[in-house]
N, C-alpha and C. Protein backbone atom coordinates (compact mmCIF):
# COMPACT_ATOMS: atom_id res chain seq x y z
N UNK A 1 0.85 -1.19 0.00
CA UNK A 1 0.00 0.00 0.00
C UNK A 1 0.89 1.25 0.00
N UNK A 2 0.75 2.05 -1.01
CA UNK A 2 1.53 3.29 -1.11
C UNK A 2 0.95 4.34 -0.17
N UNK A 3 1.86 5.08 0.46
CA UNK A 3 1.46 6.15 1.37
C UNK A 3 2.18 7.42 0.98
N UNK A 4 1.52 8.54 1.19
CA UNK A 4 2.20 9.82 1.03
C UNK A 4 3.06 10.02 2.28
N UNK A 5 3.97 10.98 2.20
CA UNK A 5 4.77 11.30 3.38
C UNK A 5 3.86 11.75 4.53
N UNK A 6 2.84 12.53 4.23
CA UNK A 6 1.91 12.99 5.26
C UNK A 6 1.22 11.80 5.91
N UNK A 7 0.76 10.85 5.11
CA UNK A 7 0.11 9.65 5.66
C UNK A 7 1.08 8.85 6.52
N UNK A 8 2.31 8.76 6.06
CA UNK A 8 3.33 8.04 6.83
C UNK A 8 3.54 8.73 8.18
N UNK A 9 3.64 10.06 8.17
CA UNK A 9 3.83 10.78 9.43
C UNK A 9 2.64 10.59 10.35
N UNK A 10 1.44 10.60 9.80
CA UNK A 10 0.23 10.41 10.61
C UNK A 10 0.18 9.00 11.19
N UNK A 11 0.53 8.01 10.38
CA UNK A 11 0.50 6.61 10.84
C UNK A 11 1.53 6.38 11.95
N UNK A 12 2.73 6.91 11.77
CA UNK A 12 3.77 6.76 12.80
C UNK A 12 3.34 7.48 14.07
N UNK A 13 2.74 8.67 13.93
CA UNK A 13 2.30 9.42 15.11
C UNK A 13 1.21 8.66 15.88
N UNK A 14 0.29 8.04 15.14
CA UNK A 14 -0.75 7.24 15.80
C UNK A 14 -0.13 6.05 16.53
N UNK A 15 0.87 5.42 15.92
CA UNK A 15 1.53 4.29 16.56
C UNK A 15 2.24 4.73 17.83
N UNK A 16 3.06 5.77 17.74
CA UNK A 16 3.82 6.24 18.90
C UNK A 16 2.88 6.80 19.97
N UNK A 17 1.79 7.40 19.55
CA UNK A 17 0.84 8.02 20.47
C UNK A 17 0.15 7.06 21.42
N UNK A 18 0.20 5.77 21.13
CA UNK A 18 -0.45 4.80 22.00
C UNK A 18 0.42 4.42 23.20
N UNK A 19 1.64 4.94 23.24
CA UNK A 19 2.56 4.62 24.33
C UNK A 19 2.82 5.85 25.20
N UNK A 20 2.79 5.67 26.49
CA UNK A 20 3.00 6.76 27.44
C UNK A 20 4.34 7.45 27.22
N UNK A 21 5.36 6.66 26.86
CA UNK A 21 6.70 7.22 26.69
C UNK A 21 6.79 8.20 25.52
N UNK A 22 5.98 8.02 24.51
CA UNK A 22 6.00 8.91 23.35
C UNK A 22 7.30 8.80 22.57
N UNK A 23 7.61 9.87 21.86
CA UNK A 23 8.82 9.89 21.05
C UNK A 23 10.06 9.99 21.92
N UNK A 24 11.15 9.39 21.45
CA UNK A 24 12.45 9.58 22.09
C UNK A 24 12.88 11.03 21.86
N UNK A 25 13.87 11.47 22.60
CA UNK A 25 14.42 12.81 22.41
C UNK A 25 15.09 12.89 21.03
N UNK A 26 15.24 14.10 20.50
CA UNK A 26 15.91 14.22 19.21
C UNK A 26 17.31 13.59 19.20
N UNK A 27 18.07 13.77 20.27
CA UNK A 27 19.41 13.18 20.32
C UNK A 27 19.34 11.66 20.23
N UNK A 28 18.43 11.05 20.97
CA UNK A 28 18.29 9.60 20.93
C UNK A 28 17.85 9.14 19.54
N UNK A 29 16.97 9.89 18.91
CA UNK A 29 16.53 9.52 17.56
C UNK A 29 17.67 9.61 16.55
N UNK A 30 18.54 10.59 16.69
CA UNK A 30 19.68 10.68 15.78
C UNK A 30 20.63 9.50 16.00
N UNK A 31 20.81 9.12 17.26
CA UNK A 31 21.65 7.96 17.54
C UNK A 31 21.02 6.70 16.95
N UNK A 32 19.70 6.57 17.09
CA UNK A 32 19.01 5.42 16.48
C UNK A 32 19.14 5.44 14.97
N UNK A 33 19.10 6.63 14.38
CA UNK A 33 19.26 6.77 12.94
C UNK A 33 20.64 6.27 12.52
N UNK A 34 21.66 6.65 13.28
CA UNK A 34 23.02 6.18 12.99
C UNK A 34 23.11 4.66 13.12
N UNK A 35 22.46 4.12 14.12
CA UNK A 35 22.45 2.67 14.32
C UNK A 35 21.79 1.96 13.15
N UNK A 36 20.66 2.46 12.71
CA UNK A 36 19.96 1.85 11.58
C UNK A 36 20.76 2.00 10.30
N UNK A 37 21.44 3.12 10.12
CA UNK A 37 22.28 3.30 8.94
C UNK A 37 23.42 2.29 8.94
N UNK A 38 23.97 2.01 10.11
CA UNK A 38 25.00 0.98 10.21
C UNK A 38 24.48 -0.38 9.81
N UNK A 39 23.25 -0.69 10.20
CA UNK A 39 22.66 -1.98 9.82
C UNK A 39 22.45 -2.05 8.31
N UNK A 40 22.03 -0.94 7.70
CA UNK A 40 21.88 -0.90 6.24
C UNK A 40 23.25 -1.10 5.58
N UNK A 41 24.26 -0.40 6.08
CA UNK A 41 25.60 -0.52 5.52
C UNK A 41 26.10 -1.96 5.60
N UNK A 42 25.81 -2.61 6.69
CA UNK A 42 26.22 -4.01 6.86
C UNK A 42 25.58 -4.90 5.80
N UNK A 43 24.28 -4.71 5.57
CA UNK A 43 23.58 -5.53 4.57
C UNK A 43 24.10 -5.25 3.16
N UNK A 44 24.33 -3.98 2.84
CA UNK A 44 24.86 -3.64 1.51
C UNK A 44 26.25 -4.24 1.35
N UNK A 45 27.06 -4.14 2.39
CA UNK A 45 28.40 -4.71 2.33
C UNK A 45 28.36 -6.22 2.13
N UNK A 46 27.44 -6.88 2.81
CA UNK A 46 27.33 -8.34 2.67
C UNK A 46 26.86 -8.73 1.27
N UNK A 47 25.95 -7.95 0.70
CA UNK A 47 25.41 -8.33 -0.60
C UNK A 47 26.25 -7.84 -1.78
N UNK A 48 26.90 -6.68 -1.62
CA UNK A 48 27.62 -6.10 -2.75
C UNK A 48 29.09 -5.81 -2.47
N UNK A 49 29.48 -5.87 -1.24
CA UNK A 49 30.84 -5.52 -0.88
C UNK A 49 31.76 -6.71 -0.80
N UNK A 50 32.83 -6.50 -0.12
CA UNK A 50 33.87 -7.52 -0.04
C UNK A 50 33.82 -8.33 1.24
N UNK A 51 32.73 -8.19 2.00
CA UNK A 51 32.61 -8.93 3.25
C UNK A 51 31.27 -9.68 3.28
N UNK A 52 31.22 -10.83 2.59
CA UNK A 52 29.96 -11.59 2.62
C UNK A 52 29.71 -12.17 4.01
N UNK A 53 28.45 -12.47 4.25
CA UNK A 53 28.08 -13.07 5.54
C UNK A 53 28.65 -14.48 5.65
N UNK A 54 28.80 -14.90 6.89
CA UNK A 54 29.19 -16.29 7.14
C UNK A 54 28.01 -17.18 6.80
N UNK A 55 28.27 -18.42 6.44
CA UNK A 55 27.18 -19.32 6.05
C UNK A 55 26.09 -19.49 7.13
N UNK A 56 26.45 -19.34 8.40
CA UNK A 56 25.46 -19.55 9.47
C UNK A 56 24.72 -18.27 9.85
N UNK A 57 25.07 -17.13 9.23
CA UNK A 57 24.38 -15.87 9.54
C UNK A 57 23.09 -15.79 8.74
N UNK A 58 22.01 -15.30 9.37
CA UNK A 58 20.73 -15.20 8.64
C UNK A 58 20.79 -14.14 7.55
N UNK A 59 20.04 -14.38 6.50
CA UNK A 59 19.96 -13.43 5.40
C UNK A 59 19.23 -12.18 5.87
N UNK A 60 19.74 -11.02 5.54
CA UNK A 60 19.11 -9.76 5.91
C UNK A 60 18.35 -9.18 4.73
N UNK A 61 17.81 -7.99 4.95
CA UNK A 61 17.01 -7.35 3.91
C UNK A 61 17.36 -5.86 3.83
N UNK A 62 17.89 -5.46 2.69
CA UNK A 62 18.16 -4.04 2.47
C UNK A 62 16.86 -3.26 2.53
N UNK A 63 15.80 -3.81 1.97
CA UNK A 63 14.50 -3.12 1.97
C UNK A 63 14.01 -2.86 3.39
N UNK A 64 14.11 -3.86 4.26
CA UNK A 64 13.68 -3.67 5.65
C UNK A 64 14.56 -2.66 6.38
N UNK A 65 15.85 -2.66 6.09
CA UNK A 65 16.74 -1.68 6.73
C UNK A 65 16.40 -0.28 6.26
N UNK A 66 16.07 -0.11 4.98
CA UNK A 66 15.62 1.20 4.49
C UNK A 66 14.31 1.60 5.17
N UNK A 67 13.42 0.64 5.37
CA UNK A 67 12.17 0.91 6.07
C UNK A 67 12.41 1.35 7.50
N UNK A 68 13.37 0.72 8.18
CA UNK A 68 13.73 1.13 9.54
C UNK A 68 14.22 2.57 9.55
N UNK A 69 15.05 2.92 8.57
CA UNK A 69 15.53 4.30 8.47
C UNK A 69 14.37 5.28 8.26
N UNK A 70 13.45 4.91 7.40
CA UNK A 70 12.29 5.78 7.15
C UNK A 70 11.46 5.98 8.41
N UNK A 71 11.29 4.91 9.19
CA UNK A 71 10.53 5.00 10.43
C UNK A 71 11.20 5.98 11.41
N UNK A 72 12.51 5.83 11.58
CA UNK A 72 13.22 6.69 12.54
C UNK A 72 13.25 8.13 12.03
N UNK A 73 13.45 8.34 10.73
CA UNK A 73 13.41 9.69 10.17
C UNK A 73 12.03 10.31 10.40
N UNK A 74 11.00 9.51 10.22
CA UNK A 74 9.64 10.01 10.44
C UNK A 74 9.41 10.35 11.90
N UNK A 75 9.92 9.53 12.81
CA UNK A 75 9.82 9.84 14.24
C UNK A 75 10.52 11.15 14.56
N UNK A 76 11.71 11.35 14.01
CA UNK A 76 12.45 12.58 14.26
C UNK A 76 11.70 13.79 13.69
N UNK A 77 11.19 13.66 12.49
CA UNK A 77 10.42 14.76 11.89
C UNK A 77 9.19 15.08 12.73
N UNK A 78 8.47 14.06 13.15
CA UNK A 78 7.29 14.29 13.98
C UNK A 78 7.66 14.94 15.31
N UNK A 79 8.73 14.46 15.92
CA UNK A 79 9.16 14.99 17.22
C UNK A 79 9.51 16.46 17.12
N UNK A 80 10.05 16.87 15.95
CA UNK A 80 10.46 18.26 15.74
C UNK A 80 9.43 19.08 14.97
N UNK A 81 8.24 18.49 14.75
CA UNK A 81 7.17 19.16 14.00
C UNK A 81 7.61 19.62 12.62
N UNK A 82 8.29 18.75 11.92
CA UNK A 82 8.75 19.03 10.56
C UNK A 82 7.85 18.29 9.59
N UNK A 83 7.34 18.99 8.60
CA UNK A 83 6.52 18.40 7.55
C UNK A 83 7.46 17.84 6.49
N UNK A 84 7.50 16.52 6.36
CA UNK A 84 8.42 15.89 5.42
C UNK A 84 8.07 16.21 3.97
N UNK A 85 6.79 16.44 3.67
CA UNK A 85 6.42 16.84 2.31
C UNK A 85 7.09 18.16 1.95
N UNK A 86 7.01 19.13 2.86
CA UNK A 86 7.63 20.43 2.62
C UNK A 86 9.15 20.31 2.56
N UNK A 87 9.72 19.52 3.45
CA UNK A 87 11.17 19.34 3.47
C UNK A 87 11.66 18.70 2.17
N UNK A 88 10.95 17.68 1.70
CA UNK A 88 11.35 17.00 0.47
C UNK A 88 11.21 17.93 -0.73
N UNK A 89 10.12 18.70 -0.78
CA UNK A 89 9.92 19.65 -1.87
C UNK A 89 11.06 20.66 -1.91
N UNK A 90 11.47 21.15 -0.74
CA UNK A 90 12.57 22.12 -0.68
C UNK A 90 13.89 21.51 -1.15
N UNK A 91 14.14 20.27 -0.78
CA UNK A 91 15.37 19.60 -1.19
C UNK A 91 15.38 19.36 -2.70
N UNK A 92 14.26 18.92 -3.25
CA UNK A 92 14.20 18.69 -4.70
C UNK A 92 14.38 19.99 -5.46
N UNK A 93 13.82 21.07 -4.95
CA UNK A 93 14.00 22.38 -5.58
C UNK A 93 15.48 22.75 -5.58
N UNK A 94 16.15 22.49 -4.47
CA UNK A 94 17.58 22.77 -4.37
C UNK A 94 18.36 21.98 -5.42
N UNK A 95 18.07 20.70 -5.55
CA UNK A 95 18.79 19.88 -6.52
C UNK A 95 18.47 20.29 -7.95
N UNK A 96 17.22 20.67 -8.20
CA UNK A 96 16.82 21.02 -9.57
C UNK A 96 17.30 22.41 -9.98
N UNK A 97 17.72 23.22 -9.04
CA UNK A 97 18.26 24.54 -9.39
C UNK A 97 19.78 24.56 -9.24
N UNK A 98 20.26 24.37 -8.05
CA UNK A 98 21.70 24.45 -7.79
C UNK A 98 22.49 23.40 -8.57
N UNK A 99 21.96 22.20 -8.66
CA UNK A 99 22.70 21.09 -9.27
C UNK A 99 22.21 20.73 -10.67
N UNK A 100 21.44 21.60 -11.29
CA UNK A 100 20.82 21.24 -12.58
C UNK A 100 21.84 20.92 -13.68
N UNK A 101 23.02 21.51 -13.62
CA UNK A 101 24.03 21.27 -14.66
C UNK A 101 25.24 20.49 -14.15
N UNK A 102 25.11 19.90 -12.99
CA UNK A 102 26.26 19.23 -12.38
C UNK A 102 26.62 17.92 -13.09
N UNK A 103 25.62 17.17 -13.55
CA UNK A 103 25.86 15.86 -14.15
C UNK A 103 25.39 15.85 -15.60
N UNK A 104 25.88 14.88 -16.36
CA UNK A 104 25.53 14.74 -17.77
C UNK A 104 24.17 14.10 -17.89
N UNK A 105 23.28 14.77 -18.57
CA UNK A 105 21.92 14.24 -18.77
C UNK A 105 21.92 13.19 -19.89
N UNK A 106 20.98 12.26 -19.78
CA UNK A 106 20.86 11.22 -20.81
C UNK A 106 19.91 11.65 -21.90
């Protein structure tokens, strides 16, 4: 099921809202983001890099690791009241203006 960024933020907020503890602090969320990025790096390294997994290690999923990153990014955005739709639009505008001639077009 495809979701917009707004729907994703709403769904994550509803999930976190059912717990008394609520969102972690921004610092903790950034640390969790770094942790999840490390897990993604490990999976990419195992699948495409020079350090394959040992035969007894379970197969991982790059897709699930990306999903974990999206969840934590969404938590951080919600905690800081950042609209990811607006943030993404601003970033794409930056790339389409500042970097429009940086690479060779096909």
